[in-house]
Amino acid sequence: MQNDTQNIIGVDVGSGSVRAGVFNLRGELLAHATGK
């Protein structure tokens, strides 16, 4: 099975935490996560 869906991953590394989000090409948020 082939999936040709394209997504963008954004990562923000700060001094106390890390945040990441996955977006489709329309800019809609698909998933997000945070960590220390």
PDB file of N, CA and C in Angstrom:
ATOM      1  N   MET A   1       0.847  -1.176   0.000  1.00  0.00           N
ATOM      2  CA  MET A   1       0.000   0.000   0.000  1.00  0.00           C
ATOM      3  C   MET A   1       0.892   1.238   0.000  1.00  0.00           C
ATOM      4  N   GLN A   2       0.605   2.177  -0.883  1.00  0.00           N
ATOM      5  CA  GLN A   2       1.402   3.386  -1.000  1.00  0.00           C
ATOM      6  C   GLN A   2       0.587   4.581  -0.544  1.00  0.00           C
ATOM      7  N   ASN A   3       1.220   5.462   0.219  1.00  0.00           N
ATOM      8  CA  ASN A   3       0.568   6.669   0.709  1.00  0.00           C
ATOM      9  C   ASN A   3       1.344   7.869   0.186  1.00  0.00           C
ATOM     10  N   ASP A   4       0.734   8.661  -0.688  1.00  0.00           N
ATOM     11  CA  ASP A   4       1.395   9.823  -1.269  1.00  0.00           C
ATOM     12  C   ASP A   4       1.047  11.121  -0.545  1.00  0.00           C
ATOM     13  N   THR A   5       0.465  11.033   0.639  1.00  0.00           N
ATOM     14  CA  THR A   5       0.106  12.218   1.403  1.00  0.00           C
ATOM     15  C   THR A   5       1.363  12.928   1.872  1.00  0.00           C
ATOM     16  N   GLN A   6       1.391  14.243   1.691  1.00  0.00           N
ATOM     17  CA  GLN A   6       2.530  15.034   2.139  1.00  0.00           C
ATOM     18  C   GLN A   6       2.132  15.834   3.368  1.00  0.00           C
ATOM     19  N   ASN A   7       2.996  15.807   4.379  1.00  0.00           N
ATOM     20  CA  ASN A   7       2.778  16.544   5.613  1.00  0.00           C
ATOM     21  C   ASN A   7       4.044  17.300   5.963  1.00  0.00           C
ATOM     22  N   ILE A   8       3.897  18.271   6.842  1.00  0.00           N
ATOM     23  CA  ILE A   8       5.016  19.083   7.307  1.00  0.00           C
ATOM     24  C   ILE A   8       5.120  18.916   8.812  1.00  0.00           C
ATOM     25  N   ILE A   9       6.350  18.733   9.301  1.00  0.00           N
ATOM     26  CA  ILE A   9       6.601  18.629  10.737  1.00  0.00           C
ATOM     27  C   ILE A   9       7.303  19.904  11.190  1.00  0.00           C
ATOM     28  N   GLY A  10       6.755  20.548  12.216  1.00  0.00           N
ATOM     29  CA  GLY A  10       7.380  21.725  12.811  1.00  0.00           C
ATOM     30  C   GLY A  10       7.828  21.382  14.217  1.00  0.00           C
ATOM     31  N   VAL A  11       9.050  21.799  14.569  1.00  0.00           N
ATOM     32  CA  VAL A  11       9.607  21.508  15.894  1.00  0.00           C
ATOM     33  C   VAL A  11      10.103  22.810  16.515  1.00  0.00           C
ATOM     34  N   ASP A  12       9.735  23.049  17.772  1.00  0.00           N
ATOM     35  CA  ASP A  12      10.176  24.219  18.532  1.00  0.00           C
ATOM     36  C   ASP A  12      10.936  23.719  19.752  1.00  0.00           C
ATOM     37  N   VAL A  13      12.243  23.960  19.768  1.00  0.00           N
ATOM     38  CA  VAL A  13      13.076  23.540  20.895  1.00  0.00           C
ATOM     39  C   VAL A  13      13.351  24.770  21.743  1.00  0.00           C
ATOM     40  N   GLY A  14      12.788  24.784  22.939  1.00  0.00           N
ATOM     41  CA  GLY A  14      12.993  25.891  23.857  1.00  0.00           C
ATOM     42  C   GLY A  14      13.957  25.497  24.962  1.00  0.00           C
ATOM     43  N   SER A  15      14.154  26.399  25.911  1.00  0.00           N
ATOM     44  CA  SER A  15      15.093  26.114  26.998  1.00  0.00           C
ATOM     45  C   SER A  15      14.542  25.101  27.997  1.00  0.00           C
ATOM     46  N   GLY A  16      13.208  24.985  28.103  1.00  0.00           N
ATOM     47  CA  GLY A  16      12.633  24.072  29.074  1.00  0.00           C
ATOM     48  C   GLY A  16      11.752  22.986  28.504  1.00  0.00           C
ATOM     49  N   SER A  17      11.434  23.075  27.215  1.00  0.00           N
ATOM     50  CA  SER A  17      10.549  22.067  26.632  1.00  0.00           C
ATOM     51  C   SER A  17      10.721  22.011  25.119  1.00  0.00           C
ATOM     52  N   VAL A  18      10.144  20.976  24.545  1.00  0.00           N
ATOM     53  CA  VAL A  18      10.140  20.784  23.095  1.00  0.00           C
ATOM     54  C   VAL A  18       8.696  20.608  22.663  1.00  0.00           C
ATOM     55  N   ARG A  19       8.314  21.273  21.580  1.00  0.00           N
ATOM     56  CA  ARG A  19       6.966  21.123  21.028  1.00  0.00           C
ATOM     57  C   ARG A  19       7.090  20.742  19.562  1.00  0.00           C
ATOM     58  N   ALA A  20       6.202  19.883  19.111  1.00  0.00           N
ATOM     59  CA  ALA A  20       6.207  19.472  17.706  1.00  0.00           C
ATOM     60  C   ALA A  20       4.777  19.371  17.210  1.00  0.00           C
ATOM     61  N   GLY A  21       4.602  19.676  15.932  1.00  0.00           N
ATOM     62  CA  GLY A  21       3.291  19.565  15.312  1.00  0.00           C
ATOM     63  C   GLY A  21       3.416  19.004  13.914  1.00  0.00           C
ATOM     64  N   VAL A  22       2.391  18.289  13.483  1.00  0.00           N
ATOM     65  CA  VAL A  22       2.320  17.758  12.123  1.00  0.00           C
ATOM     66  C   VAL A  22       1.148  18.447  11.432  1.00  0.00           C
ATOM     67  N   PHE A  23       1.407  19.008  10.247  1.00  0.00           N
ATOM     68  CA  PHE A  23       0.410  19.767   9.502  1.00  0.00           C
ATOM     69  C   PHE A  23       0.289  19.212   8.099  1.00  0.00           C
ATOM     70  N   ASN A  24      -0.912  19.295   7.531  1.00  0.00           N
ATOM     71  CA  ASN A  24      -1.054  18.952   6.117  1.00  0.00           C
ATOM     72  C   ASN A  24      -0.695  20.187   5.295  1.00  0.00           C
ATOM     73  N   LEU A  25      -0.719  20.085   3.984  1.00  0.00           N
ATOM     74  CA  LEU A  25      -0.303  21.193   3.124  1.00  0.00           C
ATOM     75  C   LEU A  25      -1.298  22.352   3.118  1.00  0.00           C
ATOM     76  N   ARG A  26      -2.470  22.165   3.703  1.00  0.00           N
ATOM     77  CA  ARG A  26      -3.441  23.256   3.863  1.00  0.00           C
ATOM     78  C   ARG A  26      -3.232  23.998   5.176  1.00  0.00           C
ATOM     79  N   GLY A  27      -2.267  23.554   5.988  1.00  0.00           N
ATOM     80  CA  GLY A  27      -1.976  24.198   7.264  1.00  0.00           C
ATOM     81  C   GLY A  27      -2.805  23.695   8.419  1.00  0.00           C
ATOM     82  N   GLU A  28      -3.538  22.623   8.220  1.00  0.00           N
ATOM     83  CA  GLU A  28      -4.375  22.073   9.288  1.00  0.00           C
ATOM     84  C   GLU A  28      -3.531  21.192  10.210  1.00  0.00           C
ATOM     85  N   LEU A  29      -3.682  21.389  11.512  1.00  0.00           N
ATOM     86  CA  LEU A  29      -2.949  20.604  12.497  1.00  0.00           C
ATOM     87  C   LEU A  29      -3.496  19.183  12.547  1.00  0.00           C
ATOM     88  N   LEU A  30      -2.620  18.209  12.355  1.00  0.00           N
ATOM     89  CA  LEU A  30      -3.020  16.801  12.386  1.00  0.00           C
ATOM     90  C   LEU A  30      -2.670  16.139  13.714  1.00  0.00           C
ATOM     91  N   ALA A  31      -1.546  16.554  14.318  1.00  0.00           N
ATOM     92  CA  ALA A  31      -1.106  15.962  15.587  1.00  0.00           C
ATOM     93  C   ALA A  31      -0.113  16.914  16.242  1.00  0.00           C
ATOM     94  N   HIS A  32       0.001  16.823  17.561  1.00  0.00           N
ATOM     95  CA  HIS A  32       0.987  17.638  18.271  1.00  0.00           C
ATOM     96  C   HIS A  32       1.453  16.901  19.515  1.00  0.00           C
ATOM     97  N   ALA A  33       2.622  17.303  19.997  1.00  0.00           N
ATOM     98  CA  ALA A  33       3.183  16.698  21.203  1.00  0.00           C
ATOM     99  C   ALA A  33       4.091  17.710  21.882  1.00  0.00           C
ATOM    100  N   THR A  34       4.215  17.580  23.200  1.00  0.00           N
ATOM    101  CA  THR A  34       5.139  18.403  23.969  1.00  0.00           C
ATOM    102  C   THR A  34       5.928  17.503  24.903  1.00  0.00           C
ATOM    103  N   GLY A  35       7.092  17.953  25.288  1.00  0.00           N
ATOM    104  CA  GLY A  35       7.919  17.187  26.217  1.00  0.00           C
ATOM    105  C   GLY A  35       8.892  18.099  26.930  1.00  0.00           C
ATOM    106  N   LYS A  36       9.405  17.615  28.041  1.00  0.00           N
ATOM    107  CA  LYS A  36      10.388  18.377  28.824  1.00  0.00           C
ATOM    108  C   LYS A  36      11.773  17.868  28.588  1.00  0.00           C
TER     109      LYS A  36
END
